[in-house]
Each structure stands twice: as C-alpha cells, then as structure tokens.
Amino acid sequence: MLLTSGIRSVMKQVSLFLAKEESVDGNLSLASYSLAPPGHSYQAIGDLDIGKKGFGSRNFSAEFTETDQFKRLIDPGYLDIRYTQQNPFGVRYEPWHIKIV
C-alpha cells in the first residue's frame, strides 16, 4: 500500500481545482464531481488517498476495489470510505479516499 495523497492545504486544493476545471473546459459542475472546490475538501482536515504500489492510475478507479490490499483493509472494517457509491455529496465513487474521523 502507499499514500497517494495526504492532507492538502487550501492553496494546493486551489491549484488542483483550477487544473481540473481547465481540463473539463471550464465546467465547474463537472470539475466538482471528481475534485472538491477549495475550502470544501475533507483532505484539508485529515482524509487521505491510498493505493496499491505499482498499480498506477488504476488506483483511482473501481478496479482498486478488486485488489487484495483493498479487501484486507476494508473487509475487517479498518478503514471507512468517504465517497461510497451512494454518498449524499453527489461525488463520484472513490474507494481510494479514506475517511478520517
């Protein structure tokens, strides 16, 4: 396992959000679907992203849930996913985004 993204400052979130917004031709709704606007990211208060070493961009897809590493952490309840498939935030499913409580 590896940490793919840890705690982010608001300025880091600004940079990431502007890049995402540019990649979707200025569509703020689409940008917000996969990246929280600055000041609204749970990664500013401790959430983090995890992945499987050597899995590359597939760490940021539902394919990550098929890995033994993910199953060993989630099945016994060690970790909680912030953005589940039916999350109330309207954010895409992100099994790699771990909720810190």
PDB file of N, CA and C in Angstrom:
ATOM      1  N   MET A   1       0.848  -1.173   0.000  1.00  0.00           N
ATOM      2  CA  MET A   1       0.000   0.000   0.000  1.00  0.00           C
ATOM      3  C   MET A   1       0.893   1.236   0.000  1.00  0.00           C
ATOM      4  N   LEU A   2       0.319   2.304  -0.492  1.00  0.00           N
ATOM      5  CA  LEU A   2       1.025   3.568  -0.434  1.00  0.00           C
ATOM      6  C   LEU A   2       0.035   4.714  -0.309  1.00  0.00           C
ATOM      7  N   LEU A   3       0.536   5.808   0.196  1.00  0.00           N
ATOM      8  CA  LEU A   3      -0.247   7.027   0.317  1.00  0.00           C
ATOM      9  C   LEU A   3      -0.122   7.759  -1.016  1.00  0.00           C
ATOM     10  N   THR A   4      -1.255   7.972  -1.703  1.00  0.00           N
ATOM     11  CA  THR A   4      -1.196   8.667  -2.991  1.00  0.00           C
ATOM     12  C   THR A   4      -1.467  10.154  -2.842  1.00  0.00           C
ATOM     13  N   SER A   5      -2.161  10.536  -1.770  1.00  0.00           N
ATOM     14  CA  SER A   5      -2.393  11.954  -1.491  1.00  0.00           C
ATOM     15  C   SER A   5      -2.780  12.098  -0.028  1.00  0.00           C
ATOM     16  N   GLY A   6      -2.117  12.999   0.646  1.00  0.00           N
ATOM     17  CA  GLY A   6      -2.383  13.202   2.064  1.00  0.00           C
ATOM     18  C   GLY A   6      -3.156  14.482   2.317  1.00  0.00           C
ATOM     19  N   ILE A   7      -2.897  15.084   3.448  1.00  0.00           N
ATOM     20  CA  ILE A   7      -3.558  16.335   3.810  1.00  0.00           C
ATOM     21  C   ILE A   7      -3.138  17.417   2.818  1.00  0.00           C
ATOM     22  N   ARG A   8      -4.128  18.196   2.366  1.00  0.00           N
ATOM     23  CA  ARG A   8      -3.867  19.258   1.395  1.00  0.00           C
ATOM     24  C   ARG A   8      -4.219  20.614   1.994  1.00  0.00           C
ATOM     25  N   SER A   9      -3.373  21.573   1.715  1.00  0.00           N
ATOM     26  CA  SER A   9      -3.687  22.948   2.104  1.00  0.00           C
ATOM     27  C   SER A   9      -4.733  23.498   1.140  1.00  0.00           C
ATOM     28  N   VAL A  10      -5.347  24.591   1.518  1.00  0.00           N
ATOM     29  CA  VAL A  10      -6.324  25.234   0.634  1.00  0.00           C
ATOM     30  C   VAL A  10      -5.640  25.672  -0.664  1.00  0.00           C
ATOM     31  N   MET A  11      -4.413  26.169  -0.562  1.00  0.00           N
ATOM     32  CA  MET A  11      -3.694  26.607  -1.771  1.00  0.00           C
ATOM     33  C   MET A  11      -3.423  25.429  -2.711  1.00  0.00           C
ATOM     34  N   LYS A  12      -3.087  24.283  -2.174  1.00  0.00           N
ATOM     35  CA  LYS A  12      -2.884  23.096  -3.016  1.00  0.00           C
ATOM     36  C   LYS A  12      -4.199  22.713  -3.684  1.00  0.00           C
ATOM     37  N   GLN A  13      -5.315  22.817  -2.945  1.00  0.00           N
ATOM     38  CA  GLN A  13      -6.623  22.491  -3.496  1.00  0.00           C
ATOM     39  C   GLN A  13      -6.996  23.484  -4.600  1.00  0.00           C
ATOM     40  N   VAL A  14      -6.635  24.757  -4.425  1.00  0.00           N
ATOM     41  CA  VAL A  14      -6.871  25.761  -5.473  1.00  0.00           C
ATOM     42  C   VAL A  14      -6.160  25.335  -6.753  1.00  0.00           C
ATOM     43  N   SER A  15      -4.890  24.985  -6.623  1.00  0.00           N
ATOM     44  CA  SER A  15      -4.095  24.580  -7.781  1.00  0.00           C
ATOM     45  C   SER A  15      -4.696  23.351  -8.466  1.00  0.00           C
ATOM     46  N   LEU A  16      -5.046  22.341  -7.686  1.00  0.00           N
ATOM     47  CA  LEU A  16      -5.631  21.123  -8.252  1.00  0.00           C
ATOM     48  C   LEU A  16      -6.982  21.399  -8.910  1.00  0.00           C
ATOM     49  N   PHE A  17      -7.810  22.219  -8.246  1.00  0.00           N
ATOM     50  CA  PHE A  17      -9.139  22.500  -8.782  1.00  0.00           C
ATOM     51  C   PHE A  17      -9.059  23.304 -10.079  1.00  0.00           C
ATOM     52  N   LEU A  18      -8.172  24.278 -10.137  1.00  0.00           N
ATOM     53  CA  LEU A  18      -8.022  25.063 -11.365  1.00  0.00           C
ATOM     54  C   LEU A  18      -7.550  24.191 -12.527  1.00  0.00           C
ATOM     55  N   ALA A  19      -6.646  23.268 -12.248  1.00  0.00           N
ATOM     56  CA  ALA A  19      -6.182  22.349 -13.288  1.00  0.00           C
ATOM     57  C   ALA A  19      -7.321  21.442 -13.749  1.00  0.00           C
ATOM     58  N   LYS A  20      -8.128  20.948 -12.802  1.00  0.00           N
ATOM     59  CA  LYS A  20      -9.269  20.096 -13.154  1.00  0.00           C
ATOM     60  C   LYS A  20     -10.282  20.889 -13.968  1.00  0.00           C
ATOM     61  N   GLU A  21     -10.573  22.111 -13.524  1.00  0.00           N
ATOM     62  CA  GLU A  21     -11.530  22.976 -14.220  1.00  0.00           C
ATOM     63  C   GLU A  21     -11.075  23.236 -15.657  1.00  0.00           C
ATOM     64  N   GLU A  22      -9.800  23.460 -15.836  1.00  0.00           N
ATOM     65  CA  GLU A  22      -9.267  23.685 -17.182  1.00  0.00           C
ATOM     66  C   GLU A  22      -9.395  22.428 -18.034  1.00  0.00           C
ATOM     67  N   SER A  23      -9.186  21.256 -17.434  1.00  0.00           N
ATOM     68  CA  SER A  23      -9.237  20.004 -18.200  1.00  0.00           C
ATOM     69  C   SER A  23     -10.650  19.641 -18.656  1.00  0.00           C
ATOM     70  N   VAL A  24     -11.658  20.258 -18.032  1.00  0.00           N
ATOM     71  CA  VAL A  24     -13.052  19.991 -18.429  1.00  0.00           C
ATOM     72  C   VAL A  24     -13.675  21.243 -19.067  1.00  0.00           C
ATOM     73  N   ASP A  25     -12.836  22.051 -19.710  1.00  0.00           N
ATOM     74  CA  ASP A  25     -13.272  23.230 -20.465  1.00  0.00           C
ATOM     75  C   ASP A  25     -14.116  24.204 -19.649  1.00  0.00           C
ATOM     76  N   GLY A  26     -13.750  24.400 -18.388  1.00  0.00           N
ATOM     77  CA  GLY A  26     -14.410  25.395 -17.555  1.00  0.00           C
ATOM     78  C   GLY A  26     -15.715  24.956 -16.926  1.00  0.00           C
ATOM     79  N   ASN A  27     -16.081  23.700 -17.056  1.00  0.00           N
ATOM     80  CA  ASN A  27     -17.332  23.193 -16.486  1.00  0.00           C
ATOM     81  C   ASN A  27     -17.126  22.942 -14.989  1.00  0.00           C
ATOM     82  N   LEU A  28     -17.546  23.888 -14.145  1.00  0.00           N
ATOM     83  CA  LEU A  28     -17.324  23.781 -12.704  1.00  0.00           C
ATOM     84  C   LEU A  28     -18.076  22.615 -12.085  1.00  0.00           C
ATOM     85  N   SER A  29     -19.253  22.312 -12.604  1.00  0.00           N
ATOM     86  CA  SER A  29     -20.025  21.183 -12.088  1.00  0.00           C
ATOM     87  C   SER A  29     -19.278  19.873 -12.328  1.00  0.00           C
ATOM     88  N   LEU A  30     -18.754  19.712 -13.521  1.00  0.00           N
ATOM     89  CA  LEU A  30     -18.004  18.503 -13.842  1.00  0.00           C
ATOM     90  C   LEU A  30     -16.705  18.436 -13.049  1.00  0.00           C
ATOM     91  N   ALA A  31     -16.051  19.570 -12.876  1.00  0.00           N
ATOM     92  CA  ALA A  31     -14.815  19.604 -12.082  1.00  0.00           C
ATOM     93  C   ALA A  31     -15.107  19.203 -10.638  1.00  0.00           C
ATOM     94  N   SER A  32     -16.222  19.665 -10.092  1.00  0.00           N
ATOM     95  CA  SER A  32     -16.591  19.372  -8.700  1.00  0.00           C
ATOM     96  C   SER A  32     -17.021  17.925  -8.490  1.00  0.00           C
ATOM     97  N   TYR A  33     -17.363  17.246  -9.561  1.00  0.00           N
ATOM     98  CA  TYR A  33     -17.770  15.840  -9.465  1.00  0.00           C
ATOM     99  C   TYR A  33     -16.614  14.960  -9.007  1.00  0.00           C
ATOM    100  N   SER A  34     -15.399  15.331  -9.380  1.00  0.00           N
ATOM    101  CA  SER A  34     -14.253  14.497  -9.027  1.00  0.00           C
ATOM    102  C   SER A  34     -13.200  15.207  -8.179  1.00  0.00           C
ATOM    103  N   LEU A  35     -13.425  16.476  -7.852  1.00  0.00           N
ATOM    104  CA  LEU A  35     -12.464  17.200  -7.025  1.00  0.00           C
ATOM    105  C   LEU A  35     -13.195  18.309  -6.288  1.00  0.00           C
ATOM    106  N   ALA A  36     -13.057  18.310  -4.979  1.00  0.00           N
ATOM    107  CA  ALA A  36     -13.759  19.315  -4.172  1.00  0.00           C
ATOM    108  C   ALA A  36     -13.202  20.702  -4.437  1.00  0.00           C
ATOM    109  N   PRO A  37     -14.079  21.701  -4.479  1.00  0.00           N
ATOM    110  CA  PRO A  37     -13.595  23.080  -4.615  1.00  0.00           C
ATOM    111  C   PRO A  37     -12.750  23.463  -3.389  1.00  0.00           C
ATOM    112  N   PRO A  38     -11.872  24.432  -3.556  1.00  0.00           N
ATOM    113  CA  PRO A  38     -11.054  24.888  -2.424  1.00  0.00           C
ATOM    114  C   PRO A  38     -11.926  25.277  -1.230  1.00  0.00           C
ATOM    115  N   GLY A  39     -11.494  24.868  -0.040  1.00  0.00           N
ATOM    116  CA  GLY A  39     -12.235  25.144   1.181  1.00  0.00           C
ATOM    117  C   GLY A  39     -13.308  24.118   1.492  1.00  0.00           C
ATOM    118  N   HIS A  40     -13.490  23.135   0.602  1.00  0.00           N
ATOM    119  CA  HIS A  40     -14.529  22.119   0.791  1.00  0.00           C
ATOM    120  C   HIS A  40     -13.985  20.698   0.737  1.00  0.00           C
ATOM    121  N   SER A  41     -12.689  20.548   0.781  1.00  0.00           N
ATOM    122  CA  SER A  41     -12.075  19.230   0.699  1.00  0.00           C
ATOM    123  C   SER A  41     -11.855  18.641   2.087  1.00  0.00           C
ATOM    124  N   TYR A  42     -12.291  17.414   2.265  1.00  0.00           N
ATOM    125  CA  TYR A  42     -12.032  16.720   3.524  1.00  0.00           C
ATOM    126  C   TYR A  42     -10.542  16.419   3.689  1.00  0.00           C
ATOM    127  N   GLN A  43      -9.781  16.521   2.620  1.00  0.00           N
ATOM    128  CA  GLN A  43      -8.346  16.294   2.747  1.00  0.00           C
ATOM    129  C   GLN A  43      -7.658  17.453   3.453  1.00  0.00           C
ATOM    130  N   ALA A  44      -8.356  18.540   3.653  1.00  0.00           N
ATOM    131  CA  ALA A  44      -7.800  19.650   4.430  1.00  0.00           C
ATOM    132  C   ALA A  44      -7.866  19.356   5.926  1.00  0.00           C
ATOM    133  N   ILE A  45      -8.702  18.386   6.314  1.00  0.00           N
ATOM    134  CA  ILE A  45      -8.845  18.070   7.745  1.00  0.00           C
ATOM    135  C   ILE A  45      -8.370  16.671   8.109  1.00  0.00           C
ATOM    136  N   GLY A  46      -7.748  15.965   7.157  1.00  0.00           N
ATOM    137  CA  GLY A  46      -7.146  14.696   7.521  1.00  0.00           C
ATOM    138  C   GLY A  46      -7.413  13.514   6.629  1.00  0.00           C
ATOM    139  N   ASP A  47      -8.435  13.559   5.759  1.00  0.00           N
ATOM    140  CA  ASP A  47      -8.671  12.432   4.855  1.00  0.00           C
ATOM    141  C   ASP A  47      -7.450  12.211   3.974  1.00  0.00           C
ATOM    142  N   LEU A  48      -7.337  11.017   3.421  1.00  0.00           N
ATOM    143  CA  LEU A  48      -6.201  10.700   2.568  1.00  0.00           C
ATOM    144  C   LEU A  48      -6.606   9.708   1.501  1.00  0.00           C
ATOM    145  N   ASP A  49      -5.776   9.611   0.485  1.00  0.00           N
ATOM    146  CA  ASP A  49      -5.983   8.656  -0.596  1.00  0.00           C
ATOM    147  C   ASP A  49      -4.913   7.580  -0.497  1.00  0.00           C
ATOM    148  N   ILE A  50      -5.341   6.344  -0.714  1.00  0.00           N
ATOM    149  CA  ILE A  50      -4.403   5.228  -0.666  1.00  0.00           C
ATOM    150  C   ILE A  50      -4.416   4.494  -1.998  1.00  0.00           C
ATOM    151  N   GLY A  51      -3.398   3.684  -2.218  1.00  0.00           N
ATOM    152  CA  GLY A  51      -3.323   2.908  -3.436  1.00  0.00           C
ATOM    153  C   GLY A  51      -2.406   1.709  -3.264  1.00  0.00           C
ATOM    154  N   LYS A  52      -2.394   0.908  -4.295  1.00  0.00           N
ATOM    155  CA  LYS A  52      -1.530  -0.274  -4.339  1.00  0.00           C
ATOM    156  C   LYS A  52      -0.258   0.102  -5.095  1.00  0.00           C
ATOM    157  N   LYS A  53       0.870  -0.206  -4.530  1.00  0.00           N
ATOM    158  CA  LYS A  53       2.150   0.092  -5.163  1.00  0.00           C
ATOM    159  C   LYS A  53       2.211  -0.582  -6.533  1.00  0.00           C
ATOM    160  N   GLY A  54       2.614   0.205  -7.542  1.00  0.00           N
ATOM    161  CA  GLY A  54       2.741  -0.318  -8.892  1.00  0.00           C
ATOM    162  C   GLY A  54       1.431  -0.397  -9.670  1.00  0.00           C
ATOM    163  N   PHE A  55       0.335   0.083  -9.103  1.00  0.00           N
ATOM    164  CA  PHE A  55      -0.977  -0.014  -9.742  1.00  0.00           C
ATOM    165  C   PHE A  55      -1.299   1.224 -10.577  1.00  0.00           C
ATOM    166  N   GLY A  56      -0.494   2.282 -10.428  1.00  0.00           N
ATOM    167  CA  GLY A  56      -0.628   3.481 -11.245  1.00  0.00           C
ATOM    168  C   GLY A  56      -1.991   4.136 -11.171  1.00  0.00           C
ATOM    169  N   SER A  57      -2.469   4.599 -12.305  1.00  0.00           N
ATOM    170  CA  SER A  57      -3.738   5.331 -12.358  1.00  0.00           C
ATOM    171  C   SER A  57      -4.937   4.450 -12.027  1.00  0.00           C
ATOM    172  N   ARG A  58      -4.756   3.145 -12.067  1.00  0.00           N
ATOM    173  CA  ARG A  58      -5.861   2.240 -11.700  1.00  0.00           C
ATOM    174  C   ARG A  58      -6.216   2.353 -10.220  1.00  0.00           C
ATOM    175  N   ASN A  59      -5.317   2.940  -9.421  1.00  0.00           N
ATOM    176  CA  ASN A  59      -5.636   3.205  -8.017  1.00  0.00           C
ATOM    177  C   ASN A  59      -6.823   4.151  -7.892  1.00  0.00           C
ATOM    178  N   PHE A  60      -7.072   4.939  -8.932  1.00  0.00           N
ATOM    179  CA  PHE A  60      -8.149   5.930  -8.912  1.00  0.00           C
ATOM    180  C   PHE A  60      -9.331   5.479  -9.755  1.00  0.00           C
ATOM    181  N   SER A  61      -9.624   4.188  -9.666  1.00  0.00           N
ATOM    182  CA  SER A  61     -10.763   3.618 -10.379  1.00  0.00           C
ATOM    183  C   SER A  61     -11.383   2.533  -9.496  1.00  0.00           C
ATOM    184  N   ALA A  62     -12.543   2.068  -9.887  1.00  0.00           N
ATOM    185  CA  ALA A  62     -13.203   0.995  -9.137  1.00  0.00           C
ATOM    186  C   ALA A  62     -12.378  -0.287  -9.175  1.00  0.00           C
ATOM    187  N   GLU A  63     -11.471  -0.391 -10.112  1.00  0.00           N
ATOM    188  CA  GLU A  63     -10.594  -1.565 -10.210  1.00  0.00           C
ATOM    189  C   GLU A  63      -9.767  -1.753  -8.928  1.00  0.00           C
ATOM    190  N   PHE A  64      -9.492  -0.655  -8.237  1.00  0.00           N
ATOM    191  CA  PHE A  64      -8.742  -0.721  -6.982  1.00  0.00           C
ATOM    192  C   PHE A  64      -9.444  -1.620  -5.961  1.00  0.00           C
ATOM    193  N   THR A  65     -10.778  -1.665  -5.991  1.00  0.00           N
ATOM    194  CA  THR A  65     -11.532  -2.477  -5.030  1.00  0.00           C
ATOM    195  C   THR A  65     -11.329  -3.975  -5.241  1.00  0.00           C
ATOM    196  N   GLU A  66     -10.788  -4.352  -6.377  1.00  0.00           N
ATOM    197  CA  GLU A  66     -10.536  -5.762  -6.677  1.00  0.00           C
ATOM    198  C   GLU A  66      -9.208  -6.255  -6.104  1.00  0.00           C
ATOM    199  N   THR A  67      -8.379  -5.358  -5.620  1.00  0.00           N
ATOM    200  CA  THR A  67      -7.056  -5.751  -5.128  1.00  0.00           C
ATOM    201  C   THR A  67      -7.145  -6.402  -3.750  1.00  0.00           C
ATOM    202  N   ASP A  68      -6.234  -7.314  -3.505  1.00  0.00           N
ATOM    203  CA  ASP A  68      -6.172  -7.965  -2.189  1.00  0.00           C
ATOM    204  C   ASP A  68      -5.894  -6.936  -1.092  1.00  0.00           C
ATOM    205  N   GLN A  69      -5.072  -5.930  -1.405  1.00  0.00           N
ATOM    206  CA  GLN A  69      -4.734  -4.906  -0.421  1.00  0.00           C
ATOM    207  C   GLN A  69      -5.976  -4.154   0.046  1.00  0.00           C
ATOM    208  N   PHE A  70      -6.819  -3.759  -0.885  1.00  0.00           N
ATOM    209  CA  PHE A  70      -8.039  -3.045  -0.530  1.00  0.00           C
ATOM    210  C   PHE A  70      -8.944  -3.937   0.314  1.00  0.00           C
ATOM    211  N   LYS A  71      -9.125  -5.169  -0.107  1.00  0.00           N
ATOM    212  CA  LYS A  71     -10.018  -6.090   0.611  1.00  0.00           C
ATOM    213  C   LYS A  71      -9.532  -6.359   2.030  1.00  0.00           C
ATOM    214  N   ARG A  72      -8.220  -6.464   2.217  1.00  0.00           N
ATOM    215  CA  ARG A  72      -7.683  -6.730   3.555  1.00  0.00           C
ATOM    216  C   ARG A  72      -7.901  -5.553   4.502  1.00  0.00           C
ATOM    217  N   LEU A  73      -7.996  -4.353   3.978  1.00  0.00           N
ATOM    218  CA  LEU A  73      -8.218  -3.180   4.813  1.00  0.00           C
ATOM    219  C   LEU A  73      -9.696  -2.892   5.052  1.00  0.00           C
ATOM    220  N   ILE A  74     -10.518  -3.099   4.050  1.00  0.00           N
ATOM    221  CA  ILE A  74     -11.934  -2.748   4.142  1.00  0.00           C
ATOM    222  C   ILE A  74     -12.755  -3.845   4.815  1.00  0.00           C
ATOM    223  N   ASP A  75     -12.527  -5.098   4.456  1.00  0.00           N
ATOM    224  CA  ASP A  75     -13.363  -6.195   4.968  1.00  0.00           C
ATOM    225  C   ASP A  75     -13.447  -6.257   6.486  1.00  0.00           C
ATOM    226  N   PRO A  76     -12.332  -6.120   7.209  1.00  0.00           N
ATOM    227  CA  PRO A  76     -12.469  -6.150   8.677  1.00  0.00           C
ATOM    228  C   PRO A  76     -12.923  -4.817   9.264  1.00  0.00           C
ATOM    229  N   GLY A  77     -13.124  -3.817   8.433  1.00  0.00           N
ATOM    230  CA  GLY A  77     -13.609  -2.532   8.927  1.00  0.00           C
ATOM    231  C   GLY A  77     -12.532  -1.599   9.448  1.00  0.00           C
ATOM    232  N   TYR A  78     -11.285  -1.806   9.032  1.00  0.00           N
ATOM    233  CA  TYR A  78     -10.211  -0.929   9.484  1.00  0.00           C
ATOM    234  C   TYR A  78     -10.339   0.472   8.907  1.00  0.00           C
ATOM    235  N   LEU A  79     -10.878   0.567   7.692  1.00  0.00           N
ATOM    236  CA  LEU A  79     -10.985   1.848   7.014  1.00  0.00           C
ATOM    237  C   LEU A  79     -12.423   2.129   6.612  1.00  0.00           C
ATOM    238  N   ASP A  80     -12.721   3.403   6.462  1.00  0.00           N
ATOM    239  CA  ASP A  80     -14.050   3.847   6.043  1.00  0.00           C
ATOM    240  C   ASP A  80     -13.881   4.698   4.787  1.00  0.00           C
ATOM    241  N   ILE A  81     -14.673   4.427   3.764  1.00  0.00           N
ATOM    242  CA  ILE A  81     -14.612   5.182   2.520  1.00  0.00           C
ATOM    243  C   ILE A  81     -15.490   6.427   2.653  1.00  0.00           C
ATOM    244  N   ARG A  82     -14.962   7.591   2.311  1.00  0.00           N
ATOM    245  CA  ARG A  82     -15.727   8.830   2.401  1.00  0.00           C
ATOM    246  C   ARG A  82     -16.808   8.891   1.318  1.00  0.00           C
ATOM    247  N   TYR A  83     -16.426   8.581   0.079  1.00  0.00           N
ATOM    248  CA  TYR A  83     -17.360   8.710  -1.042  1.00  0.00           C
ATOM    249  C   TYR A  83     -17.771   7.330  -1.546  1.00  0.00           C
ATOM    250  N   THR A  84     -18.762   6.769  -0.864  1.00  0.00           N
ATOM    251  CA  THR A  84     -19.300   5.463  -1.239  1.00  0.00           C
ATOM    252  C   THR A  84     -20.109   5.601  -2.534  1.00  0.00           C
ATOM    253  N   GLN A  85     -20.595   4.484  -3.031  1.00  0.00           N
ATOM    254  CA  GLN A  85     -21.370   4.526  -4.275  1.00  0.00           C
ATOM    255  C   GLN A  85     -22.646   5.350  -4.132  1.00  0.00           C
ATOM    256  N   GLN A  86     -23.227   5.377  -2.972  1.00  0.00           N
ATOM    257  CA  GLN A  86     -24.471   6.122  -2.745  1.00  0.00           C
ATOM    258  C   GLN A  86     -24.244   7.290  -1.787  1.00  0.00           C
ATOM    259  N   ASN A  87     -23.136   7.999  -1.935  1.00  0.00           N
ATOM    260  CA  ASN A  87     -22.825   9.075  -0.989  1.00  0.00           C
ATOM    261  C   ASN A  87     -23.773  10.261  -1.177  1.00  0.00           C
ATOM    262  N   PRO A  88     -24.052  10.970  -0.090  1.00  0.00           N
ATOM    263  CA  PRO A  88     -25.003  12.090  -0.143  1.00  0.00           C
ATOM    264  C   PRO A  88     -24.410  13.369  -0.739  1.00  0.00           C
ATOM    265  N   PHE A  89     -23.138  13.351  -1.079  1.00  0.00           N
ATOM    266  CA  PHE A  89     -22.465  14.550  -1.576  1.00  0.00           C
ATOM    267  C   PHE A  89     -22.596  14.729  -3.090  1.00  0.00           C
ATOM    268  N   GLY A  90     -23.018  13.678  -3.791  1.00  0.00           N
ATOM    269  CA  GLY A  90     -23.088  13.740  -5.250  1.00  0.00           C
ATOM    270  C   GLY A  90     -21.728  13.622  -5.909  1.00  0.00           C
ATOM    271  N   VAL A  91     -20.757  13.128  -5.166  1.00  0.00           N
ATOM    272  CA  VAL A  91     -19.398  12.943  -5.671  1.00  0.00           C
ATOM    273  C   VAL A  91     -19.277  11.529  -6.210  1.00  0.00           C
ATOM    274  N   ARG A  92     -18.462  11.354  -7.223  1.00  0.00           N
ATOM    275  CA  ARG A  92     -18.275  10.020  -7.789  1.00  0.00           C
ATOM    276  C   ARG A  92     -17.748   9.054  -6.729  1.00  0.00           C
ATOM    277  N   TYR A  93     -17.934   7.783  -6.960  1.00  0.00           N
ATOM    278  CA  TYR A  93     -17.452   6.721  -6.085  1.00  0.00           C
ATOM    279  C   TYR A  93     -15.924   6.771  -6.056  1.00  0.00           C
ATOM    280  N   GLU A  94     -15.358   6.902  -4.848  1.00  0.00           N
ATOM    281  CA  GLU A  94     -13.901   6.972  -4.684  1.00  0.00           C
ATOM    282  C   GLU A  94     -13.462   5.996  -3.586  1.00  0.00           C
ATOM    283  N   PRO A  95     -13.293   4.724  -3.932  1.00  0.00           N
ATOM    284  CA  PRO A  95     -12.909   3.753  -2.907  1.00  0.00           C
ATOM    285  C   PRO A  95     -11.507   3.971  -2.349  1.00  0.00           C
ATOM    286  N   TRP A  96     -10.714   4.780  -2.986  1.00  0.00           N
ATOM    287  CA  TRP A  96      -9.356   5.079  -2.528  1.00  0.00           C
ATOM    288  C   TRP A  96      -9.313   6.227  -1.521  1.00  0.00           C
ATOM    289  N   HIS A  97     -10.427   6.946  -1.375  1.00  0.00           N
ATOM    290  CA  HIS A  97     -10.476   8.124  -0.480  1.00  0.00           C
ATOM    291  C   HIS A  97     -10.928   7.671   0.903  1.00  0.00           C
ATOM    292  N   ILE A  98     -10.009   7.677   1.839  1.00  0.00           N
ATOM    293  CA  ILE A  98     -10.262   7.163   3.182  1.00  0.00           C
ATOM    294  C   ILE A  98     -10.677   8.284   4.121  1.00  0.00           C
ATOM    295  N   LYS A  99     -11.773   8.023   4.816  1.00  0.00           N
ATOM    296  CA  LYS A  99     -12.325   8.997   5.760  1.00  0.00           C
ATOM    297  C   LYS A  99     -11.609   8.880   7.102  1.00  0.00           C
ATOM    298  N   ILE A 100     -11.168  10.001   7.619  1.00  0.00           N
ATOM    299  CA  ILE A 100     -10.565  10.060   8.945  1.00  0.00           C
ATOM    300  C   ILE A 100     -11.584  10.712   9.864  1.00  0.00           C
ATOM    301  N   VAL A 101     -11.894  10.057  10.958  1.00  0.00           N
ATOM    302  CA  VAL A 101     -12.891  10.598  11.886  1.00  0.00           C
ATOM    303  C   VAL A 101     -12.245  10.986  13.202  1.00  0.00           C
TER     304      VAL A 101
END
